[in-house]
C-alpha atoms as a PDB file:
ATOM      1  CA  ILE A   1     -26.328 -15.580  61.127  1.00  0.00           C
ATOM      2  CA  PHE A   2     -29.531 -13.767  59.998  1.00  0.00           C
ATOM      3  CA  GLY A   3     -31.520 -17.024  58.470  1.00  0.00           C
ATOM      4  CA  GLU A   4     -32.900 -16.872  54.850  1.00  0.00           C
ATOM      5  CA  LYS A   5     -35.897 -14.522  55.449  1.00  0.00           C
ATOM      6  CA  VAL A   6     -33.555 -11.466  56.883  1.00  0.00           C
ATOM      7  CA  GLY A   7     -30.682 -12.358  54.174  1.00  0.00           C
ATOM      8  CA  ARG A   8     -32.692 -12.347  51.042  1.00  0.00           C
ATOM      9  CA  ALA A   9     -34.628  -8.507  52.417  1.00  0.00           C
ATOM     10  CA  LEU A  10     -30.829  -7.168  53.407  1.00  0.00           C
ATOM     11  CA  GLN A  11     -30.159  -8.654  49.441  1.00  0.00           C
ATOM     12  CA  HIS A  12     -33.067  -6.436  47.857  1.00  0.00           C
ATOM     13  CA  ILE A  13     -31.804  -2.873  49.361  1.00  0.00           C
ATOM     14  CA  HIS A  14     -28.071  -3.679  48.001  1.00  0.00           C
ATOM     15  CA  GLU A  15     -30.136  -4.033  44.890  1.00  0.00           C
ATOM     16  CA  LYS A  16     -32.067  -1.238  45.059  1.00  0.00           C
ATOM     17  CA  ASN A  17     -28.057   0.677  45.129  1.00  0.00           C
ATOM     18  CA  GLY A  18     -26.847  -0.613  42.747  1.00  0.00           C
ATOM     19  CA  ALA A  19     -25.651  -4.181  43.618  1.00  0.00           C
ATOM     20  CA  ARG A  20     -25.410  -6.902  42.160  1.00  0.00           C
ATOM     21  CA  PHE A  21     -25.914 -10.856  42.967  1.00  0.00           C
ATOM     22  CA  ILE A  22     -23.787 -12.920  41.685  1.00  0.00           C
ATOM     23  CA  SER A  23     -23.942 -16.655  42.867  1.00  0.00           C
ATOM     24  CA  SER A  24     -23.497 -19.574  42.369  1.00  0.00           C
ATOM     25  CA  ALA A  25     -20.155 -18.803  40.730  1.00  0.00           C
ATOM     26  CA  GLU A  26     -16.268 -18.909  41.499  1.00  0.00           C
ATOM     27  CA  ILE A  27     -13.371 -16.712  40.836  1.00  0.00           C
ATOM     28  CA  GLN A  28     -10.928 -18.299  38.331  1.00  0.00           C
ATOM     29  CA  ASP A  29      -9.081 -15.583  37.487  1.00  0.00           C
ATOM     30  CA  PHE A  30      -7.875 -11.421  37.400  1.00  0.00           C
ATOM     31  CA  THR A  31      -6.908  -9.770  34.840  1.00  0.00           C
ATOM     32  CA  GLY A  32      -4.931  -5.984  34.454  1.00  0.00           C
ATOM     33  CA  GLU A  33      -3.143  -3.442  33.343  1.00  0.00           C
ATOM     34  CA  SER A  34      -0.146  -0.851  34.995  1.00  0.00           C
ATOM     35  CA  ASN A  35      -0.499  -3.498  38.667  1.00  0.00           C
ATOM     36  CA  MET A  36      -4.144  -2.356  38.681  1.00  0.00           C
ATOM     37  CA  VAL A  37      -6.970  -4.950  38.273  1.00  0.00           C
ATOM     38  CA  THR A  38      -9.365  -4.247  35.562  1.00  0.00           C
ATOM     39  CA  HIS A  39     -11.480  -7.703  35.414  1.00  0.00           C
ATOM     40  CA  VAL A  40     -12.813 -10.502  37.041  1.00  0.00           C
ATOM     41  CA  HIS A  41     -13.326 -13.433  35.171  1.00  0.00           C
ATOM     42  CA  LEU A  42     -15.818 -16.086  36.854  1.00  0.00           C
ATOM     43  CA  THR A  43     -15.543 -19.648  36.209  1.00  0.00           C
ATOM     44  CA  THR A  44     -19.353 -18.922  34.235  1.00  0.00           C
ATOM     45  CA  GLY A  45     -17.200 -17.106  31.536  1.00  0.00           C
ATOM     46  CA  GLU A  46     -18.397 -14.587  32.549  1.00  0.00           C
ATOM     47  CA  SER A  47     -16.145 -11.476  32.626  1.00  0.00           C
ATOM     48  CA  VAL A  48     -16.885  -8.221  35.465  1.00  0.00           C
ATOM     49  CA  ALA A  49     -14.820  -5.000  35.256  1.00  0.00           C
ATOM     50  CA  CYS A  50     -14.001  -3.201  37.731  1.00  0.00           C
ATOM     51  CA  ASP A  51     -11.673  -1.006  39.600  1.00  0.00           C
ATOM     52  CA  MET A  52     -10.970  -2.575  42.417  1.00  0.00           C
ATOM     53  CA  ALA A  53     -11.486  -6.202  44.368  1.00  0.00           C
ATOM     54  CA  ILE A  54     -12.212  -7.159  47.419  1.00  0.00           C
ATOM     55  CA  VAL A  55     -11.369 -10.708  48.317  1.00  0.00           C
ATOM     56  CA  ALA A  56     -13.609 -11.661  51.378  1.00  0.00           C
ATOM     57  CA  ILE A  57     -11.629 -15.330  52.372  1.00  0.00           C
ATOM     58  CA  GLY A  58     -12.196 -15.540  56.383  1.00  0.00           C
ATOM     59  CA  SER A  59      -9.093 -16.064  57.849  1.00  0.00           C
ATOM     60  CA  GLU A  60      -7.182 -18.719  59.968  1.00  0.00           C
ATOM     61  CA  PRO A  61      -5.874 -18.774  63.535  1.00  0.00           C
ATOM     62  CA  CYS A  62      -1.916 -17.762  63.449  1.00  0.00           C
ATOM     63  CA  THR A  63      -1.170 -20.604  66.311  1.00  0.00           C
ATOM     64  CA  GLU A  64       1.949 -22.734  63.954  1.00  0.00           C
ATOM     65  CA  ILE A  65       4.131 -21.638  67.222  1.00  0.00           C
ATOM     66  CA  TYR A  66       2.093 -23.896  69.503  1.00  0.00           C
ATOM     67  CA  LYS A  67       1.777 -27.159  67.496  1.00  0.00           C
ATOM     68  CA  ASN A  68       4.471 -28.499  69.436  1.00  0.00           C
ATOM     69  CA  SER A  69       4.383 -27.180  72.450  1.00  0.00           C
ATOM     70  CA  PRO A  70       1.759 -29.364  75.810  1.00  0.00           C
ATOM     71  CA  ILE A  71      -0.676 -26.481  74.864  1.00  0.00           C
ATOM     72  CA  GLU A  72      -3.328 -28.245  73.669  1.00  0.00           C
ATOM     73  CA  MET A  73      -4.890 -27.529  70.161  1.00  0.00           C
ATOM     74  CA  THR A  74      -8.101 -28.341  68.120  1.00  0.00           C
ATOM     75  CA  ASP A  75      -7.201 -30.448  64.467  1.00  0.00           C
ATOM     76  CA  ASP A  76      -8.389 -26.792  62.810  1.00  0.00           C
ATOM     77  CA  ASN A  77      -5.022 -25.161  65.078  1.00  0.00           C
ATOM     78  CA  TYR A  78      -7.594 -23.353  67.769  1.00  0.00           C
ATOM     79  CA  ILE A  79      -6.265 -23.323  71.134  1.00  0.00           C
ATOM     80  CA  ARG A  80      -8.465 -24.868  73.656  1.00  0.00           C
ATOM     81  CA  VAL A  81      -9.619 -23.150  76.898  1.00  0.00           C
ATOM     82  CA  ASN A  82     -11.383 -24.023  79.751  1.00  0.00           C
ATOM     83  CA  ASP A  83     -13.890 -22.021  81.492  1.00  0.00           C
ATOM     84  CA  ARG A  84     -11.454 -19.463  83.210  1.00  0.00           C
ATOM     85  CA  LEU A  85      -9.511 -19.080  80.337  1.00  0.00           C
ATOM     86  CA  GLU A  86      -6.764 -21.416  80.941  1.00  0.00           C
ATOM     87  CA  THR A  87      -4.933 -23.350  78.164  1.00  0.00           C
ATOM     88  CA  SER A  88      -4.369 -27.112  78.890  1.00  0.00           C
ATOM     89  CA  VAL A  89      -0.868 -25.706  80.248  1.00  0.00           C
ATOM     90  CA  GLU A  90      -1.276 -24.011  84.394  1.00  0.00           C
ATOM     91  CA  ASN A  91      -0.964 -20.775  84.256  1.00  0.00           C
ATOM     92  CA  VAL A  92      -1.319 -20.064  80.928  1.00  0.00           C
ATOM     93  CA  MET A  93      -3.945 -18.340  79.714  1.00  0.00           C
ATOM     94  CA  ALA A  94      -5.804 -17.449  76.070  1.00  0.00           C
ATOM     95  CA  VAL A  95      -7.988 -15.292  74.751  1.00  0.00           C
ATOM     96  CA  GLY A  96      -9.439 -13.946  71.305  1.00  0.00           C
ATOM     97  CA  ASP A  97     -10.094 -15.127  67.584  1.00  0.00           C
ATOM     98  CA  ILE A  98      -7.307 -18.159  68.134  1.00  0.00           C
ATOM     99  CA  THR A  99      -9.689 -19.740  70.553  1.00  0.00           C
ATOM    100  CA  GLU A 100     -12.173 -22.088  71.349  1.00  0.00           C
ATOM    101  CA  TYR A 101     -13.870 -21.982  74.473  1.00  0.00           C
ATOM    102  CA  PRO A 102     -16.919 -22.641  76.180  1.00  0.00           C
ATOM    103  CA  LEU A 103     -20.156 -20.368  76.555  1.00  0.00           C
ATOM    104  CA  LYS A 104     -21.906 -21.416  79.920  1.00  0.00           C
ATOM    105  CA  ILE A 105     -24.801 -18.565  78.863  1.00  0.00           C
ATOM    106  CA  PHE A 106     -26.364 -21.937  76.967  1.00  0.00           C
ATOM    107  CA  ASN A 107     -24.058 -24.569  78.728  1.00  0.00           C
ATOM    108  CA  TYR A 108     -22.204 -25.083  75.777  1.00  0.00           C
ATOM    109  CA  ASP A 109     -19.379 -26.782  77.498  1.00  0.00           C
ATOM    110  CA  GLN A 110     -17.925 -28.543  73.996  1.00  0.00           C
ATOM    111  CA  GLY A 111     -17.016 -25.146  73.301  1.00  0.00           C
ATOM    112  CA  ILE A 112     -17.586 -22.085  70.485  1.00  0.00           C
ATOM    113  CA  ARG A 113     -15.399 -20.089  68.407  1.00  0.00           C
ATOM    114  CA  CYS A 114     -17.983 -16.332  68.137  1.00  0.00           C
ATOM    115  CA  GLN A 115     -14.989 -14.087  66.543  1.00  0.00           C
ATOM    116  CA  HIS A 116     -16.930 -10.412  67.799  1.00  0.00           C
ATOM    117  CA  TRP A 117     -14.534  -7.594  69.487  1.00  0.00           C
ATOM    118  CA  GLN A 118     -16.720  -7.682  72.614  1.00  0.00           C
ATOM    119  CA  MET A 119     -16.580 -11.098  73.325  1.00  0.00           C
ATOM    120  CA  ALA A 120     -12.924 -10.336  72.873  1.00  0.00           C
ATOM    121  CA  CYS A 121     -12.530  -7.165  75.318  1.00  0.00           C
ATOM    122  CA  SER A 122     -15.032  -9.381  77.795  1.00  0.00           C
ATOM    123  CA  GLU A 123     -12.122 -12.782  77.391  1.00  0.00           C
ATOM    124  CA  GLY A 124      -9.432 -10.208  78.056  1.00  0.00           C
ATOM    125  CA  HIS A 125     -11.359  -8.807  81.873  1.00  0.00           C
ATOM    126  CA  HIS A 126     -11.497 -12.593  82.938  1.00  0.00           C
ATOM    127  CA  ALA A 127      -8.288 -13.694  82.228  1.00  0.00           C
ATOM    128  CA  ALA A 128      -6.928 -11.031  84.154  1.00  0.00           C
ATOM    129  CA  ASP A 129      -9.398 -11.773  86.863  1.00  0.00           C
ATOM    130  CA  THR A 130      -8.202 -14.672  86.697  1.00  0.00           C
ATOM    131  CA  ILE A 131      -4.573 -14.137  87.323  1.00  0.00           C
ATOM    132  CA  LEU A 132      -5.876 -12.026  89.718  1.00  0.00           C
ATOM    133  CA  HIS A 133      -7.830 -14.684  91.662  1.00  0.00           C
ATOM    134  CA  LYS A 134      -4.265 -17.534  91.351  1.00  0.00           C
ATOM    135  CA  LEU A 135      -2.144 -13.972  92.837  1.00  0.00           C
ATOM    136  CA  GLY A 136      -4.554 -14.294  96.379  1.00  0.00           C
ATOM    137  CA  TYR A 137      -7.199 -11.816  94.311  1.00  0.00           C
ATOM    138  CA  ASN A 138     -10.365 -13.219  96.745  1.00  0.00           C
ATOM    139  CA  SER A 139     -13.251 -12.657  98.892  1.00  0.00           C
ATOM    140  CA  SER A 140     -11.005 -11.939 102.117  1.00  0.00           C
ATOM    141  CA  ASN A 141      -8.145 -10.247  99.385  1.00  0.00           C
ATOM    142  CA  PRO A 142     -11.074  -8.518  97.393  1.00  0.00           C
ATOM    143  CA  ASN A 143      -9.760  -7.411  93.911  1.00  0.00           C
ATOM    144  CA  PRO A 144     -12.322  -3.386  94.258  1.00  0.00           C
ATOM    145  CA  HIS A 145     -12.720  -3.430  89.731  1.00  0.00           C
ATOM    146  CA  ASN A 146     -14.406  -6.375  89.829  1.00  0.00           C
ATOM    147  CA  GLU A 147     -14.662  -8.855  92.898  1.00  0.00           C
ATOM    148  CA  ARG A 148     -18.346 -11.305  91.591  1.00  0.00           C
ATOM    149  CA  ALA A 149     -16.154 -12.085  88.271  1.00  0.00           C
ATOM    150  CA  LEU A 150     -13.069 -13.619  90.468  1.00  0.00           C
ATOM    151  CA  LYS A 151     -15.338 -16.358  91.790  1.00  0.00           C
ATOM    152  CA  GLN A 152     -16.943 -17.455  88.270  1.00  0.00           C
ATOM    153  CA  GLU A 153     -16.460 -18.725  85.062  1.00  0.00           C
ATOM    154  CA  PHE A 154     -16.648 -17.157  82.083  1.00  0.00           C
ATOM    155  CA  TYR A 155     -19.995 -15.889  81.568  1.00  0.00           C
ATOM    156  CA  THR A 156     -21.463 -13.880  78.350  1.00  0.00           C
ATOM    157  CA  VAL A 157     -23.391 -12.510  76.382  1.00  0.00           C
ATOM    158  CA  PRO A 158     -22.719 -12.075  72.812  1.00  0.00           C
ATOM    159  CA  ILE A 159     -23.328  -9.135  71.035  1.00  0.00           C
ATOM    160  CA  TYR A 160     -23.202  -8.165  67.526  1.00  0.00           C
ATOM    161  CA  TRP A 161     -24.045  -4.761  65.529  1.00  0.00           C
ATOM    162  CA  THR A 162     -23.457  -4.194  61.527  1.00  0.00           C
ATOM    163  CA  THR A 163     -24.467  -1.301  59.499  1.00  0.00           C
ATOM    164  CA  GLN A 164     -25.560  -1.826  55.815  1.00  0.00           C
ATOM    165  CA  ASN A 165     -26.245   0.064  53.531  1.00  0.00           C
ATOM    166  CA  LYS A 166     -25.376   3.693  55.664  1.00  0.00           C
ATOM    167  CA  ASN A 167     -28.524   4.042  57.647  1.00  0.00           C
ATOM    168  CA  THR A 168     -29.947   0.075  58.106  1.00  0.00           C
ATOM    169  CA  ILE A 169     -28.526  -0.448  61.218  1.00  0.00           C
ATOM    170  CA  ILE A 170     -29.038  -4.693  62.803  1.00  0.00           C
ATOM    171  CA  ARG A 171     -28.357  -5.323  65.610  1.00  0.00           C
ATOM    172  CA  TYR A 172     -27.822  -9.245  66.998  1.00  0.00           C
ATOM    173  CA  CYS A 173     -27.026 -10.798  70.806  1.00  0.00           C
ATOM    174  CA  GLY A 174     -27.125 -14.371  71.834  1.00  0.00           C
ATOM    175  CA  TYR A 175     -25.670 -17.680  70.035  1.00  0.00           C
ATOM    176  CA  THR A 176     -26.638 -20.788  67.680  1.00  0.00           C
ATOM    177  CA  THR A 177     -25.043 -22.540  64.529  1.00  0.00           C
ATOM    178  CA  ASP A 178     -28.245 -24.766  65.179  1.00  0.00           C
ATOM    179  CA  ALA A 179     -31.742 -23.299  64.615  1.00  0.00           C
ATOM    180  CA  ASP A 180     -34.352 -25.114  64.275  1.00  0.00           C
ATOM    181  CA  ASN A 181     -37.402 -22.299  63.938  1.00  0.00           C
ATOM    182  CA  CYS A 182     -37.385 -17.944  63.389  1.00  0.00           C
ATOM    183  CA  ILE A 183     -40.033 -15.926  64.350  1.00  0.00           C
ATOM    184  CA  ILE A 184     -39.803 -12.781  62.460  1.00  0.00           C
ATOM    185  CA  HIS A 185     -42.193  -9.343  63.771  1.00  0.00           C
ATOM    186  CA  GLY A 186     -42.232  -5.965  62.475  1.00  0.00           C
ATOM    187  CA  ASP A 187     -41.355  -5.024  58.425  1.00  0.00           C
ATOM    188  CA  LEU A 188     -38.746  -6.556  56.012  1.00  0.00           C
ATOM    189  CA  ASP A 189     -39.898  -4.765  52.870  1.00  0.00           C
ATOM    190  CA  GLY A 190     -40.371  -1.610  53.541  1.00  0.00           C
ATOM    191  CA  GLU A 191     -39.137   0.530  56.279  1.00  0.00           C
ATOM    192  CA  PHE A 192     -37.538  -1.759  57.315  1.00  0.00           C
ATOM    193  CA  LYS A 193     -37.979  -2.630  61.160  1.00  0.00           C
ATOM    194  CA  TRP A 194     -38.310  -5.642  62.419  1.00  0.00           C
ATOM    195  CA  VAL A 195     -37.300  -8.342  64.796  1.00  0.00           C
ATOM    196  CA  ALA A 196     -36.492 -11.705  64.318  1.00  0.00           C
ATOM    197  CA  TYR A 197     -36.180 -14.279  67.211  1.00  0.00           C
ATOM    198  CA  TYR A 198     -34.099 -17.515  66.587  1.00  0.00           C
ATOM    199  CA  LEU A 199     -35.075 -20.841  68.515  1.00  0.00           C
ATOM    200  CA  VAL A 200     -34.046 -24.122  69.731  1.00  0.00           C
ATOM    201  CA  ASP A 201     -36.291 -26.726  70.611  1.00  0.00           C
ATOM    202  CA  GLY A 202     -38.095 -24.512  71.732  1.00  0.00           C
ATOM    203  CA  TYR A 203     -36.131 -22.111  73.535  1.00  0.00           C
ATOM    204  CA  VAL A 204     -34.822 -18.877  72.007  1.00  0.00           C
ATOM    205  CA  ARG A 205     -31.598 -18.631  71.672  1.00  0.00           C
ATOM    206  CA  ALA A 206     -30.351 -15.030  69.409  1.00  0.00           C
ATOM    207  CA  CYS A 207     -32.255 -12.000  68.316  1.00  0.00           C
ATOM    208  CA  ALA A 208     -31.719  -9.519  65.521  1.00  0.00           C
ATOM    209  CA  GLN A 209     -33.643  -5.826  65.198  1.00  0.00           C
ATOM    210  CA  SER A 210     -33.788  -3.412  63.917  1.00  0.00           C
ATOM    211  CA  GLN A 211     -35.039  -0.264  64.734  1.00  0.00           C
ATOM    212  CA  LEU A 212     -36.046  -1.996  67.487  1.00  0.00           C
ATOM    213  CA  ASP A 213     -33.801  -0.205  70.221  1.00  0.00           C
ATOM    214  CA  PRO A 214     -33.278  -1.037  73.075  1.00  0.00           C
ATOM    215  CA  LEU A 215     -34.898  -5.108  72.481  1.00  0.00           C
ATOM    216  CA  SER A 216     -31.228  -6.976  71.503  1.00  0.00           C
ATOM    217  CA  SER A 217     -29.819  -5.291  74.687  1.00  0.00           C
ATOM    218  CA  GLU A 218     -33.282  -6.406  76.648  1.00  0.00           C
ATOM    219  CA  VAL A 219     -32.919 -10.114  74.772  1.00  0.00           C
ATOM    220  CA  ALA A 220     -29.242 -10.004  76.735  1.00  0.00           C
ATOM    221  CA  GLU A 221     -30.365  -9.346  79.987  1.00  0.00           C
ATOM    222  CA  VAL A 222     -32.734 -12.168  80.149  1.00  0.00           C
ATOM    223  CA  PHE A 223     -30.282 -14.042  78.615  1.00  0.00           C
ATOM    224  CA  TYR A 224     -27.171 -12.755  81.233  1.00  0.00           C
ATOM    225  CA  GLN A 225     -30.302 -13.678  84.051  1.00  0.00           C
ATOM    226  CA  LYS A 226     -30.094 -16.802  82.870  1.00  0.00           C
ATOM    227  CA  ARG A 227     -34.078 -16.994  81.884  1.00  0.00           C
ATOM    228  CA  ASN A 228     -35.557 -18.790  79.248  1.00  0.00           C
ATOM    229  CA  ILE A 229     -37.793 -17.050  76.880  1.00  0.00           C
ATOM    230  CA  ARG A 230     -39.744 -19.808  75.120  1.00  0.00           C
ATOM    231  CA  LYS A 231     -41.399 -19.521  71.808  1.00  0.00           C
ATOM    232  CA  GLU A 232     -44.996 -19.256  72.954  1.00  0.00           C
ATOM    233  CA  ASP A 233     -43.472 -16.035  74.638  1.00  0.00           C
ATOM    234  CA  ILE A 234     -42.971 -14.216  72.002  1.00  0.00           C
ATOM    235  CA  GLU A 235     -44.915 -15.881  69.160  1.00  0.00           C
ATOM    236  CA  HIS A 236     -47.617 -13.007  69.130  1.00  0.00           C
ATOM    237  CA  ASP A 237     -45.238 -10.788  71.333  1.00  0.00           C
ATOM    238  CA  MET A 238     -42.843  -9.111  70.442  1.00  0.00           C
ATOM    239  CA  TYR A 239     -42.382  -7.991  73.356  1.00  0.00           C
ATOM    240  CA  GLY A 240     -42.932 -11.576  75.545  1.00  0.00           C
ATOM    241  CA  TYR A 241     -39.680 -11.661  77.227  1.00  0.00           C
ATOM    242  CA  ARG A 242     -40.189  -8.556  79.029  1.00  0.00           C
ATOM    243  CA  LYS A 243     -41.859 -10.893  81.966  1.00  0.00           C
ATOM    244  CA  TYR A 244     -38.530 -12.077  82.881  1.00  0.00           C
ATOM    245  CA  LEU A 245     -36.565  -8.563  83.434  1.00  0.00           C
ATOM    246  CA  ASN A 246     -36.074  -7.750  86.627  1.00  0.00           C
ATOM    247  CA  ILE A 247     -34.913  -4.080  85.563  1.00  0.00           C
ATOM    248  CA  LYS A 248     -38.261  -1.915  85.005  1.00  0.00           C
ATOM    249  CA  ILE A 249     -38.789  -0.249  81.542  1.00  0.00           C
ATOM    250  CA  ASN A 250     -39.555   3.178  80.509  1.00  0.00           C
ATOM    251  CA  SER A 251     -41.339   2.630  76.749  1.00  0.00           C
ATOM    252  CA  LYS A 252     -42.433   5.431  75.059  1.00  0.00           C
END
């Protein structure tokens, strides 16, 4: 998600703090004593001593119960929903990590999976608004909480953040799985103060940054306003997107 250059920089930060990365290897088995793991054995023949092993193998959707139902699913068992977060069965909604949904912010109509908690929260809000709309809460009988959402498809900007090595915080906004260019401003090797823009066909579709708040929030606002940030806007100026903002920026 961050690209090779940012990934390498993160790896170096962890290595400076004592972490060791072993690539091109798979786990063969675990051994231990007294019901405690003591060693991880790799297919390379290396044995790594340890007090604890965290097995990060990802997850699969728990949707077996729906396999023989009328609800449309993907080949790998995710539930397909439309831009109102409604399944193929009328009046049945689905939200969260088990769903595949259109992302209107960049016209991803084919369906995506963006499994961040912020997205799940947004989906829950919008599904509730869809239900209210079906119950008759519309412009003539408004929902006082969020009348605007009753009239629109699911529309939000994915936002993600991570804290690495105690004090290193990275913030990310947007969405792309097929970036063909990455433009980086700042320092990845020293103070780790930087921004990376991820582009598809000459347009920014996501950005990540560290120690440059509120840059990613501003970029997310540009995305939300349906403005396209072009390569030439940010190629030589990390803040070149600001000309598209419809809000006033108070910079220090």
